[in-house]
Amino acid sequence: MLVALFCALLVISNIAAVKLFGPDTVMVAGHEWDMTFDGGAFLFPLTYIIGDVLAEVFGFRAARRAIITGFACSALASGVFWLVQVMPPAANWEGQEAFEQTLGVVWRMVVASLAGYLGGQLLNAWFMGLIKRATNGKALWVRLLGSTAVGEAADTILFCTIAFYGVITGGQFLGYLVLGYIYKCLVEVVLLPVTYRVVAWVRRREGLA
């Protein structure tokens, strides 16, 4: 169930990420920042929470299998969208341009998404196990927040740089990078009590409590 949800959130987020939104500028600590988000911001942070649950309860190897499964699902979705995109449209169908703009495969975006996801998620799961060993399984909140901080940093830098560097420039790119990272980490902080409950529930379900 967790892996199915994990893959669904990933694929939906990758589709939603093609749209950028947000106000032009905001004032933060006396400095003006361009504030831009992509549509993946709504659900993608939840993949890290589920990844944390998998790594915490089942270990790095199980989390890695889930991550690779998600990678395969995302790559499959991109391949299907590309195949549909290049098929000649029916004579009476007028949505080709709209399809290409919304779901059409832009390989730069695909590479950015897959690279960011794979690097960030694997680093998140590995760092989770590293902290767990260092703390002898104590202080769950430390490894939840610490692993997310590291994983999201790798994911955000890889995705934003590959997908939008040169497309979004100057302060707008820096704002997109920094504020996007802060937002994703804050989601983990806000949902920390929920993550605790999900970890406990999965442990009970698996007889590991």
N, C-alpha and C. Protein backbone atom coordinates (compact mmCIF):
# COMPACT_ATOMS: atom_id res chain seq x y z
N MET A 1 0.83 -1.20 0.00
CA MET A 1 0.00 0.00 0.00
C MET A 1 0.87 1.26 0.00
N LEU A 2 1.92 1.25 0.83
CA LEU A 2 2.81 2.41 0.90
C LEU A 2 3.55 2.62 -0.42
N VAL A 3 4.00 1.54 -1.03
CA VAL A 3 4.73 1.67 -2.29
C VAL A 3 3.80 2.17 -3.40
N ALA A 4 2.56 1.67 -3.42
CA ALA A 4 1.60 2.13 -4.42
C ALA A 4 1.33 3.63 -4.26
N LEU A 5 1.14 4.07 -3.01
CA LEU A 5 0.92 5.49 -2.75
C LEU A 5 2.15 6.31 -3.12
N PHE A 6 3.31 5.78 -2.79
CA PHE A 6 4.58 6.43 -3.10
C PHE A 6 4.71 6.68 -4.61
N CYS A 7 4.43 5.65 -5.40
CA CYS A 7 4.55 5.76 -6.85
C CYS A 7 3.50 6.71 -7.43
N ALA A 8 2.28 6.65 -6.90
CA ALA A 8 1.22 7.53 -7.38
C ALA A 8 1.57 8.99 -7.12
N LEU A 9 2.04 9.30 -5.92
CA LEU A 9 2.42 10.68 -5.59
C LEU A 9 3.54 11.17 -6.48
N LEU A 10 4.48 10.29 -6.78
CA LEU A 10 5.61 10.66 -7.62
C LEU A 10 5.17 11.00 -9.04
N VAL A 11 4.37 10.12 -9.64
CA VAL A 11 3.94 10.33 -11.03
C VAL A 11 3.06 11.58 -11.13
N ILE A 12 2.13 11.74 -10.20
CA ILE A 12 1.26 12.93 -10.21
C ILE A 12 2.09 14.20 -10.06
N SER A 13 3.06 14.18 -9.15
CA SER A 13 3.90 15.36 -8.92
C SER A 13 4.71 15.71 -10.15
N ASN A 14 5.22 14.71 -10.85
CA ASN A 14 6.02 14.98 -12.04
C ASN A 14 5.18 15.63 -13.14
N ILE A 15 3.92 15.22 -13.25
CA ILE A 15 3.03 15.84 -14.24
C ILE A 15 2.70 17.27 -13.83
N ALA A 16 2.41 17.45 -12.54
CA ALA A 16 2.02 18.77 -12.05
C ALA A 16 3.18 19.77 -12.09
N ALA A 17 4.41 19.27 -12.06
CA ALA A 17 5.59 20.14 -11.97
C ALA A 17 5.83 20.97 -13.22
N VAL A 18 5.10 20.69 -14.31
CA VAL A 18 5.33 21.46 -15.54
C VAL A 18 4.79 22.88 -15.41
N LYS A 19 3.91 23.12 -14.43
CA LYS A 19 3.37 24.47 -14.27
C LYS A 19 4.08 25.20 -13.14
N LEU A 20 4.50 26.44 -13.42
CA LEU A 20 5.08 27.31 -12.41
C LEU A 20 4.02 28.32 -11.97
N PHE A 21 4.02 28.64 -10.67
CA PHE A 21 3.05 29.60 -10.17
C PHE A 21 3.65 30.35 -8.98
N GLY A 22 2.97 31.38 -8.56
CA GLY A 22 3.40 32.14 -7.40
C GLY A 22 3.44 33.62 -7.69
N PRO A 23 3.50 34.46 -6.65
CA PRO A 23 3.60 35.90 -6.83
C PRO A 23 4.96 36.28 -7.42
N ASP A 24 5.00 37.46 -8.01
CA ASP A 24 6.25 37.89 -8.64
C ASP A 24 7.37 38.05 -7.62
N THR A 25 7.09 38.80 -6.55
CA THR A 25 8.13 39.04 -5.55
C THR A 25 7.53 39.08 -4.15
N VAL A 26 8.36 38.78 -3.15
CA VAL A 26 8.00 38.92 -1.74
C VAL A 26 9.18 39.55 -1.01
N MET A 27 8.88 40.21 0.10
CA MET A 27 9.94 40.80 0.92
C MET A 27 10.26 39.85 2.07
N VAL A 28 11.51 39.42 2.17
CA VAL A 28 11.97 38.54 3.24
C VAL A 28 13.19 39.18 3.87
N ALA A 29 13.08 39.51 5.17
CA ALA A 29 14.18 40.11 5.92
C ALA A 29 14.76 41.34 5.21
N GLY A 30 13.86 42.13 4.65
CA GLY A 30 14.29 43.36 4.00
C GLY A 30 14.81 43.20 2.59
N HIS A 31 14.80 41.96 2.08
CA HIS A 31 15.28 41.70 0.72
C HIS A 31 14.12 41.23 -0.16
N GLU A 32 14.15 41.64 -1.39
CA GLU A 32 13.11 41.25 -2.34
C GLU A 32 13.48 39.94 -3.03
N TRP A 33 12.59 38.96 -2.93
CA TRP A 33 12.82 37.64 -3.53
C TRP A 33 11.75 37.36 -4.57
N ASP A 34 12.17 36.79 -5.68
CA ASP A 34 11.19 36.26 -6.62
C ASP A 34 10.70 34.93 -6.08
N MET A 35 9.38 34.78 -5.98
CA MET A 35 8.81 33.60 -5.33
C MET A 35 8.08 32.77 -6.37
N THR A 36 8.70 31.71 -6.81
CA THR A 36 8.13 30.84 -7.83
C THR A 36 8.16 29.39 -7.35
N PHE A 37 7.05 28.70 -7.52
CA PHE A 37 6.94 27.28 -7.19
C PHE A 37 6.48 26.52 -8.42
N ASP A 38 6.72 25.20 -8.42
CA ASP A 38 6.12 24.37 -9.47
C ASP A 38 5.00 23.54 -8.86
N GLY A 39 4.14 23.02 -9.72
CA GLY A 39 2.96 22.30 -9.26
C GLY A 39 3.26 21.04 -8.47
N GLY A 40 4.47 20.54 -8.57
CA GLY A 40 4.84 19.36 -7.79
C GLY A 40 4.97 19.65 -6.31
N ALA A 41 4.96 20.93 -5.93
CA ALA A 41 5.14 21.30 -4.52
C ALA A 41 4.01 20.79 -3.63
N PHE A 42 2.85 20.53 -4.21
CA PHE A 42 1.72 20.10 -3.40
C PHE A 42 1.90 18.69 -2.83
N LEU A 43 2.35 17.77 -3.66
CA LEU A 43 2.39 16.37 -3.25
C LEU A 43 3.79 15.80 -3.11
N PHE A 44 4.76 16.33 -3.86
CA PHE A 44 6.08 15.69 -3.87
C PHE A 44 6.73 15.57 -2.49
N PRO A 45 6.61 16.58 -1.59
CA PRO A 45 7.21 16.40 -0.26
C PRO A 45 6.70 15.17 0.48
N LEU A 46 5.48 14.74 0.15
CA LEU A 46 4.93 13.57 0.83
C LEU A 46 5.68 12.30 0.44
N THR A 47 6.32 12.28 -0.74
CA THR A 47 7.09 11.09 -1.10
C THR A 47 8.26 10.89 -0.15
N TYR A 48 8.82 11.99 0.36
CA TYR A 48 9.92 11.88 1.31
C TYR A 48 9.43 11.35 2.65
N ILE A 49 8.22 11.72 3.03
CA ILE A 49 7.66 11.21 4.29
C ILE A 49 7.43 9.71 4.18
N ILE A 50 6.85 9.27 3.06
CA ILE A 50 6.64 7.83 2.87
C ILE A 50 7.99 7.11 2.77
N GLY A 51 8.95 7.73 2.10
CA GLY A 51 10.29 7.14 2.03
C GLY A 51 10.91 7.00 3.41
N ASP A 52 10.68 7.99 4.28
CA ASP A 52 11.17 7.90 5.65
C ASP A 52 10.54 6.73 6.40
N VAL A 53 9.24 6.56 6.21
CA VAL A 53 8.53 5.46 6.87
C VAL A 53 9.09 4.12 6.41
N LEU A 54 9.28 3.96 5.11
CA LEU A 54 9.81 2.70 4.57
C LEU A 54 11.22 2.42 5.09
N ALA A 55 12.07 3.46 5.09
CA ALA A 55 13.44 3.28 5.56
C ALA A 55 13.48 2.99 7.05
N GLU A 56 12.63 3.65 7.82
CA GLU A 56 12.62 3.48 9.27
C GLU A 56 12.13 2.10 9.68
N VAL A 57 11.07 1.63 9.04
CA VAL A 57 10.45 0.36 9.45
C VAL A 57 11.12 -0.84 8.78
N PHE A 58 11.43 -0.72 7.49
CA PHE A 58 11.89 -1.89 6.73
C PHE A 58 13.38 -1.84 6.37
N GLY A 59 14.03 -0.70 6.56
CA GLY A 59 15.45 -0.61 6.27
C GLY A 59 15.76 -0.06 4.88
N PHE A 60 17.05 0.20 4.65
CA PHE A 60 17.49 0.85 3.42
C PHE A 60 17.20 0.00 2.19
N ARG A 61 17.40 -1.30 2.26
CA ARG A 61 17.21 -2.14 1.07
C ARG A 61 15.77 -2.11 0.59
N ALA A 62 14.83 -2.19 1.52
CA ALA A 62 13.42 -2.14 1.15
C ALA A 62 13.06 -0.77 0.59
N ALA A 63 13.58 0.29 1.22
CA ALA A 63 13.33 1.64 0.73
C ALA A 63 13.91 1.81 -0.67
N ARG A 64 15.09 1.22 -0.89
CA ARG A 64 15.73 1.33 -2.21
C ARG A 64 14.89 0.65 -3.27
N ARG A 65 14.30 -0.50 -2.95
CA ARG A 65 13.44 -1.19 -3.92
C ARG A 65 12.23 -0.33 -4.26
N ALA A 66 11.65 0.31 -3.25
CA ALA A 66 10.50 1.19 -3.49
C ALA A 66 10.91 2.38 -4.36
N ILE A 67 12.08 2.93 -4.09
CA ILE A 67 12.57 4.08 -4.86
C ILE A 67 12.80 3.70 -6.31
N ILE A 68 13.39 2.55 -6.55
CA ILE A 68 13.64 2.09 -7.92
C ILE A 68 12.31 1.80 -8.63
N THR A 69 11.33 1.24 -7.89
CA THR A 69 10.01 1.01 -8.47
C THR A 69 9.38 2.33 -8.89
N GLY A 70 9.48 3.35 -8.03
CA GLY A 70 8.97 4.66 -8.37
C GLY A 70 9.67 5.25 -9.58
N PHE A 71 10.98 5.05 -9.66
CA PHE A 71 11.77 5.52 -10.80
C PHE A 71 11.26 4.86 -12.08
N ALA A 72 11.01 3.56 -12.03
CA ALA A 72 10.52 2.83 -13.21
C ALA A 72 9.14 3.33 -13.62
N CYS A 73 8.26 3.58 -12.65
CA CYS A 73 6.91 4.09 -12.96
C CYS A 73 6.99 5.46 -13.61
N SER A 74 7.84 6.31 -13.09
CA SER A 74 7.99 7.66 -13.64
C SER A 74 8.56 7.61 -15.05
N ALA A 75 9.56 6.75 -15.26
CA ALA A 75 10.14 6.62 -16.59
C ALA A 75 9.12 6.06 -17.58
N LEU A 76 8.30 5.10 -17.12
CA LEU A 76 7.26 4.54 -17.97
C LEU A 76 6.24 5.60 -18.37
N ALA A 77 5.81 6.41 -17.40
CA ALA A 77 4.86 7.47 -17.69
C ALA A 77 5.42 8.44 -18.73
N SER A 78 6.68 8.82 -18.58
CA SER A 78 7.30 9.72 -19.54
C SER A 78 7.37 9.11 -20.93
N GLY A 79 7.70 7.81 -20.98
CA GLY A 79 7.77 7.13 -22.26
C GLY A 79 6.43 7.06 -22.96
N VAL A 80 5.37 6.79 -22.19
CA VAL A 80 4.03 6.72 -22.77
C VAL A 80 3.58 8.10 -23.27
N PHE A 81 3.82 9.14 -22.46
CA PHE A 81 3.46 10.49 -22.89
C PHE A 81 4.19 10.88 -24.17
N TRP A 82 5.47 10.51 -24.26
CA TRP A 82 6.24 10.81 -25.46
C TRP A 82 5.67 10.08 -26.67
N LEU A 83 5.32 8.79 -26.49
CA LEU A 83 4.77 8.00 -27.58
C LEU A 83 3.45 8.59 -28.08
N VAL A 84 2.58 8.98 -27.14
CA VAL A 84 1.31 9.60 -27.51
C VAL A 84 1.55 10.93 -28.21
N GLN A 85 2.54 11.67 -27.73
CA GLN A 85 2.85 12.98 -28.29
C GLN A 85 3.26 12.88 -29.77
N VAL A 86 4.07 11.89 -30.12
CA VAL A 86 4.59 11.80 -31.48
C VAL A 86 3.65 11.07 -32.43
N MET A 87 2.61 10.43 -31.91
CA MET A 87 1.64 9.78 -32.80
C MET A 87 0.89 10.84 -33.59
N PRO A 88 0.67 10.62 -34.89
CA PRO A 88 -0.07 11.62 -35.69
C PRO A 88 -1.49 11.79 -35.14
N PRO A 89 -1.91 13.03 -34.89
CA PRO A 89 -3.26 13.24 -34.36
C PRO A 89 -4.33 12.94 -35.39
N ALA A 90 -5.50 12.54 -34.91
CA ALA A 90 -6.64 12.31 -35.80
C ALA A 90 -7.03 13.63 -36.46
N ALA A 91 -7.57 13.52 -37.66
CA ALA A 91 -7.89 14.70 -38.44
C ALA A 91 -8.87 15.63 -37.73
N ASN A 92 -9.78 15.07 -36.94
CA ASN A 92 -10.81 15.88 -36.28
C ASN A 92 -10.45 16.22 -34.83
N TRP A 93 -9.21 15.96 -34.44
CA TRP A 93 -8.78 16.27 -33.05
C TRP A 93 -7.91 17.50 -33.05
N GLU A 94 -8.28 18.50 -32.28
CA GLU A 94 -7.61 19.79 -32.32
C GLU A 94 -6.78 20.07 -31.06
N GLY A 95 -6.51 19.03 -30.28
CA GLY A 95 -5.83 19.26 -29.00
C GLY A 95 -4.35 18.95 -29.00
N GLN A 96 -3.72 18.76 -30.18
CA GLN A 96 -2.32 18.37 -30.21
C GLN A 96 -1.41 19.41 -29.55
N GLU A 97 -1.61 20.66 -29.88
CA GLU A 97 -0.76 21.71 -29.32
C GLU A 97 -0.93 21.80 -27.81
N ALA A 98 -2.19 21.72 -27.36
CA ALA A 98 -2.45 21.77 -25.91
C ALA A 98 -1.84 20.57 -25.20
N PHE A 99 -1.92 19.39 -25.83
CA PHE A 99 -1.33 18.19 -25.23
C PHE A 99 0.17 18.34 -25.10
N GLU A 100 0.82 18.83 -26.16
CA GLU A 100 2.27 18.99 -26.13
C GLU A 100 2.70 20.00 -25.07
N GLN A 101 1.92 21.06 -24.90
CA GLN A 101 2.26 22.08 -23.91
C GLN A 101 2.09 21.57 -22.48
N THR A 102 1.11 20.68 -22.27
CA THR A 102 0.79 20.23 -20.91
C THR A 102 1.46 18.91 -20.57
N LEU A 103 1.30 17.91 -21.41
CA LEU A 103 1.80 16.57 -21.11
C LEU A 103 2.93 16.13 -22.04
N GLY A 104 3.23 16.94 -23.03
CA GLY A 104 4.29 16.57 -23.96
C GLY A 104 5.63 16.45 -23.24
N VAL A 105 6.40 15.49 -23.66
CA VAL A 105 7.67 15.21 -22.99
C VAL A 105 8.73 16.21 -23.41
N VAL A 106 9.27 16.91 -22.43
CA VAL A 106 10.45 17.75 -22.62
C VAL A 106 11.58 17.01 -21.91
N TRP A 107 12.52 16.48 -22.68
CA TRP A 107 13.50 15.56 -22.10
C TRP A 107 14.35 16.22 -21.03
N ARG A 108 14.53 17.52 -21.10
CA ARG A 108 15.26 18.21 -20.03
C ARG A 108 14.52 18.08 -18.71
N MET A 109 13.19 18.21 -18.74
CA MET A 109 12.37 18.07 -17.54
C MET A 109 12.40 16.64 -17.04
N VAL A 110 12.35 15.68 -17.96
CA VAL A 110 12.35 14.27 -17.57
C VAL A 110 13.66 13.91 -16.88
N VAL A 111 14.78 14.32 -17.48
CA VAL A 111 16.09 14.04 -16.89
C VAL A 111 16.21 14.72 -15.53
N ALA A 112 15.74 15.97 -15.44
CA ALA A 112 15.81 16.70 -14.17
C ALA A 112 15.01 15.99 -13.09
N SER A 113 13.80 15.57 -13.45
CA SER A 113 12.93 14.92 -12.49
C SER A 113 13.50 13.59 -12.01
N LEU A 114 13.96 12.77 -12.95
CA LEU A 114 14.48 11.45 -12.59
C LEU A 114 15.79 11.56 -11.81
N ALA A 115 16.66 12.48 -12.22
CA ALA A 115 17.93 12.65 -11.52
C ALA A 115 17.71 13.17 -10.11
N GLY A 116 16.87 14.19 -9.98
CA GLY A 116 16.59 14.75 -8.66
C GLY A 116 15.94 13.74 -7.74
N TYR A 117 14.95 13.04 -8.28
CA TYR A 117 14.25 12.04 -7.47
C TYR A 117 15.17 10.92 -7.02
N LEU A 118 15.91 10.34 -7.96
CA LEU A 118 16.74 9.19 -7.62
C LEU A 118 17.84 9.58 -6.65
N GLY A 119 18.53 10.69 -6.94
CA GLY A 119 19.61 11.12 -6.06
C GLY A 119 19.10 11.52 -4.68
N GLY A 120 18.02 12.30 -4.65
CA GLY A 120 17.48 12.77 -3.37
C GLY A 120 16.91 11.66 -2.52
N GLN A 121 16.13 10.78 -3.12
CA GLN A 121 15.48 9.72 -2.36
C GLN A 121 16.48 8.70 -1.83
N LEU A 122 17.44 8.31 -2.66
CA LEU A 122 18.44 7.35 -2.20
C LEU A 122 19.29 7.94 -1.08
N LEU A 123 19.65 9.20 -1.22
CA LEU A 123 20.43 9.87 -0.18
C LEU A 123 19.61 10.00 1.10
N ASN A 124 18.34 10.29 0.96
CA ASN A 124 17.45 10.40 2.12
C ASN A 124 17.38 9.08 2.88
N ALA A 125 17.16 7.98 2.15
CA ALA A 125 17.04 6.67 2.79
C ALA A 125 18.36 6.24 3.42
N TRP A 126 19.46 6.48 2.72
CA TRP A 126 20.77 6.10 3.25
C TRP A 126 21.10 6.89 4.51
N PHE A 127 20.85 8.19 4.47
CA PHE A 127 21.16 9.05 5.61
C PHE A 127 20.27 8.70 6.80
N MET A 128 19.05 8.28 6.52
CA MET A 128 18.13 7.85 7.58
C MET A 128 18.73 6.67 8.35
N GLY A 129 19.24 5.68 7.62
CA GLY A 129 19.86 4.53 8.26
C GLY A 129 21.13 4.90 8.99
N LEU A 130 21.90 5.81 8.44
CA LEU A 130 23.14 6.25 9.07
C LEU A 130 22.87 6.89 10.43
N ILE A 131 21.88 7.77 10.48
CA ILE A 131 21.54 8.44 11.74
C ILE A 131 20.95 7.44 12.73
N LYS A 132 20.17 6.48 12.23
CA LYS A 132 19.57 5.49 13.12
C LYS A 132 20.65 4.67 13.81
N ARG A 133 21.68 4.29 13.06
CA ARG A 133 22.77 3.53 13.68
C ARG A 133 23.55 4.40 14.66
N ALA A 134 23.75 5.65 14.31
CA ALA A 134 24.51 6.55 15.17
C ALA A 134 23.80 6.85 16.48
N THR A 135 22.46 6.83 16.46
CA THR A 135 21.67 7.15 17.66
C THR A 135 21.12 5.90 18.33
N ASN A 136 21.52 4.70 17.84
CA ASN A 136 21.02 3.43 18.39
C ASN A 136 19.50 3.36 18.36
N GLY A 137 18.92 3.88 17.29
CA GLY A 137 17.48 3.79 17.11
C GLY A 137 16.67 4.79 17.91
N LYS A 138 17.33 5.72 18.56
CA LYS A 138 16.62 6.72 19.36
C LYS A 138 16.46 8.02 18.56
N ALA A 139 15.68 8.94 19.14
CA ALA A 139 15.50 10.27 18.54
C ALA A 139 15.04 10.18 17.09
N LEU A 140 13.86 9.59 16.89
CA LEU A 140 13.32 9.44 15.54
C LEU A 140 13.22 10.78 14.82
N TRP A 141 12.85 11.82 15.53
CA TRP A 141 12.68 13.12 14.89
C TRP A 141 13.98 13.64 14.27
N VAL A 142 15.13 13.27 14.88
CA VAL A 142 16.42 13.73 14.35
C VAL A 142 16.66 13.12 12.97
N ARG A 143 16.44 11.82 12.83
CA ARG A 143 16.69 11.20 11.53
C ARG A 143 15.62 11.56 10.50
N LEU A 144 14.37 11.79 10.95
CA LEU A 144 13.34 12.21 10.01
C LEU A 144 13.69 13.57 9.40
N LEU A 145 14.01 14.52 10.25
CA LEU A 145 14.31 15.87 9.77
C LEU A 145 15.69 15.93 9.10
N GLY A 146 16.68 15.25 9.69
CA GLY A 146 18.03 15.29 9.13
C GLY A 146 18.10 14.66 7.75
N SER A 147 17.47 13.50 7.58
CA SER A 147 17.51 12.83 6.28
C SER A 147 16.76 13.63 5.22
N THR A 148 15.64 14.23 5.62
CA THR A 148 14.88 15.04 4.67
C THR A 148 15.67 16.28 4.26
N ALA A 149 16.34 16.91 5.21
CA ALA A 149 17.14 18.10 4.90
C ALA A 149 18.21 17.78 3.86
N VAL A 150 18.87 16.63 4.01
CA VAL A 150 19.93 16.23 3.08
C VAL A 150 19.34 15.80 1.74
N GLY A 151 18.32 14.93 1.78
CA GLY A 151 17.72 14.42 0.56
C GLY A 151 17.07 15.51 -0.28
N GLU A 152 16.30 16.38 0.38
CA GLU A 152 15.63 17.46 -0.34
C GLU A 152 16.63 18.45 -0.93
N ALA A 153 17.76 18.65 -0.25
CA ALA A 153 18.79 19.54 -0.79
C ALA A 153 19.30 18.99 -2.12
N ALA A 154 19.64 17.69 -2.13
CA ALA A 154 20.13 17.08 -3.37
C ALA A 154 19.07 17.11 -4.46
N ASP A 155 17.84 16.75 -4.10
CA ASP A 155 16.75 16.72 -5.06
C ASP A 155 16.49 18.11 -5.65
N THR A 156 16.39 19.11 -4.78
CA THR A 156 16.06 20.46 -5.23
C THR A 156 17.16 21.03 -6.12
N ILE A 157 18.41 20.86 -5.73
CA ILE A 157 19.51 21.39 -6.53
C ILE A 157 19.57 20.72 -7.90
N LEU A 158 19.45 19.40 -7.92
CA LEU A 158 19.51 18.67 -9.19
C LEU A 158 18.34 19.04 -10.10
N PHE A 159 17.12 18.98 -9.55
CA PHE A 159 15.94 19.24 -10.39
C PHE A 159 15.91 20.68 -10.89
N CYS A 160 16.06 21.63 -9.98
CA CYS A 160 15.96 23.04 -10.37
C CYS A 160 17.06 23.43 -11.36
N THR A 161 18.28 22.94 -11.14
CA THR A 161 19.39 23.30 -12.01
C THR A 161 19.23 22.70 -13.40
N ILE A 162 18.92 21.41 -13.45
CA ILE A 162 18.78 20.74 -14.76
C ILE A 162 17.56 21.25 -15.51
N ALA A 163 16.44 21.45 -14.80
CA ALA A 163 15.19 21.80 -15.47
C ALA A 163 15.08 23.27 -15.83
N PHE A 164 15.55 24.16 -14.96
CA PHE A 164 15.22 25.56 -15.15
C PHE A 164 16.40 26.53 -15.18
N TYR A 165 17.63 26.04 -15.00
CA TYR A 165 18.76 26.97 -15.05
C TYR A 165 18.90 27.51 -16.47
N GLY A 166 18.91 28.82 -16.59
CA GLY A 166 18.93 29.46 -17.91
C GLY A 166 17.55 29.81 -18.41
N VAL A 167 16.53 29.08 -17.95
CA VAL A 167 15.14 29.41 -18.27
C VAL A 167 14.63 30.44 -17.28
N ILE A 168 14.87 30.14 -15.98
CA ILE A 168 14.63 31.11 -14.91
C ILE A 168 16.00 31.65 -14.53
N THR A 169 16.16 32.95 -14.52
CA THR A 169 17.50 33.52 -14.32
C THR A 169 17.56 34.42 -13.09
N GLY A 170 18.79 34.71 -12.68
CA GLY A 170 19.04 35.69 -11.63
C GLY A 170 18.36 35.39 -10.32
N GLY A 171 17.77 36.44 -9.74
CA GLY A 171 17.12 36.31 -8.45
C GLY A 171 15.93 35.39 -8.47
N GLN A 172 15.24 35.30 -9.61
CA GLN A 172 14.08 34.42 -9.68
C GLN A 172 14.50 32.97 -9.53
N PHE A 173 15.63 32.59 -10.16
CA PHE A 173 16.11 31.22 -10.03
C PHE A 173 16.55 30.93 -8.60
N LEU A 174 17.26 31.86 -7.98
CA LEU A 174 17.72 31.66 -6.62
C LEU A 174 16.53 31.57 -5.66
N GLY A 175 15.52 32.41 -5.87
CA GLY A 175 14.33 32.34 -5.03
C GLY A 175 13.60 31.02 -5.20
N TYR A 176 13.49 30.57 -6.46
CA TYR A 176 12.84 29.28 -6.74
C TYR A 176 13.58 28.14 -6.05
N LEU A 177 14.90 28.19 -6.09
CA LEU A 177 15.72 27.14 -5.49
C LEU A 177 15.61 27.14 -3.97
N VAL A 178 15.86 28.29 -3.36
CA VAL A 178 15.93 28.39 -1.90
C VAL A 178 14.56 28.25 -1.26
N LEU A 179 13.58 28.99 -1.75
CA LEU A 179 12.25 28.94 -1.14
C LEU A 179 11.59 27.59 -1.36
N GLY A 180 11.86 26.97 -2.52
CA GLY A 180 11.32 25.63 -2.75
C GLY A 180 11.87 24.62 -1.76
N TYR A 181 13.17 24.71 -1.49
CA TYR A 181 13.81 23.81 -0.52
C TYR A 181 13.26 24.05 0.88
N ILE A 182 13.15 25.30 1.28
CA ILE A 182 12.63 25.62 2.61
C ILE A 182 11.19 25.11 2.76
N TYR A 183 10.39 25.31 1.73
CA TYR A 183 9.00 24.86 1.79
C TYR A 183 8.92 23.34 1.97
N LYS A 184 9.70 22.59 1.21
CA LYS A 184 9.65 21.13 1.30
C LYS A 184 10.07 20.65 2.69
N CYS A 185 11.09 21.28 3.27
CA CYS A 185 11.52 20.90 4.62
C CYS A 185 10.47 21.26 5.66
N LEU A 186 9.80 22.40 5.47
CA LEU A 186 8.76 22.81 6.41
C LEU A 186 7.58 21.84 6.40
N VAL A 187 7.28 21.28 5.23
CA VAL A 187 6.21 20.28 5.16
C VAL A 187 6.54 19.10 6.06
N GLU A 188 7.81 18.66 6.03
CA GLU A 188 8.25 17.56 6.89
C GLU A 188 8.09 17.93 8.36
N VAL A 189 8.44 19.15 8.72
CA VAL A 189 8.33 19.60 10.12
C VAL A 189 6.87 19.62 10.55
N VAL A 190 6.01 20.20 9.73
CA VAL A 190 4.58 20.32 10.07
C VAL A 190 3.93 18.94 10.21
N LEU A 191 4.32 18.01 9.34
CA LEU A 191 3.70 16.68 9.34
C LEU A 191 4.45 15.67 10.21
N LEU A 192 5.41 16.14 10.99
CA LEU A 192 6.19 15.23 11.83
C LEU A 192 5.31 14.39 12.77
N PRO A 193 4.30 14.97 13.44
CA PRO A 193 3.43 14.13 14.29
C PRO A 193 2.70 13.06 13.49
N VAL A 194 2.31 13.39 12.26
CA VAL A 194 1.63 12.40 11.42
C VAL A 194 2.61 11.28 11.05
N THR A 195 3.84 11.64 10.73
CA THR A 195 4.85 10.64 10.38
C THR A 195 5.09 9.68 11.54
N TYR A 196 5.16 10.22 12.76
CA TYR A 196 5.32 9.39 13.95
C TYR A 196 4.19 8.36 14.04
N ARG A 197 2.97 8.81 13.83
CA ARG A 197 1.81 7.91 13.95
C ARG A 197 1.80 6.86 12.85
N VAL A 198 2.19 7.27 11.64
CA VAL A 198 2.23 6.30 10.54
C VAL A 198 3.30 5.25 10.79
N VAL A 199 4.47 5.66 11.26
CA VAL A 199 5.54 4.70 11.58
C VAL A 199 5.06 3.70 12.63
N ALA A 200 4.42 4.21 13.67
CA ALA A 200 3.92 3.32 14.73
C ALA A 200 2.85 2.37 14.19
N TRP A 201 1.96 2.88 13.34
CA TRP A 201 0.89 2.05 12.78
C TRP A 201 1.46 0.94 11.90
N VAL A 202 2.43 1.28 11.03
CA VAL A 202 3.03 0.27 10.15
C VAL A 202 3.77 -0.78 10.96
N ARG A 203 4.46 -0.34 12.01
CA ARG A 203 5.15 -1.31 12.87
C ARG A 203 4.18 -2.30 13.50
N ARG A 204 3.04 -1.79 13.96
CA ARG A 204 2.04 -2.68 14.56
C ARG A 204 1.48 -3.63 13.51
N ARG A 205 1.20 -3.11 12.31
CA ARG A 205 0.65 -3.94 11.24
C ARG A 205 1.62 -5.05 10.85
N GLU A 206 2.91 -4.76 10.90
CA GLU A 206 3.92 -5.73 10.50
C GLU A 206 4.42 -6.57 11.66
N GLY A 207 3.85 -6.35 12.85
CA GLY A 207 4.28 -7.10 14.02
C GLY A 207 5.65 -6.74 14.51
N LEU A 208 6.07 -5.49 14.26
CA LEU A 208 7.41 -5.06 14.64
C LEU A 208 7.40 -4.09 15.81
N ALA A 209 6.23 -3.80 16.36
CA ALA A 209 6.14 -2.84 17.47
C ALA A 209 6.72 -3.44 18.74
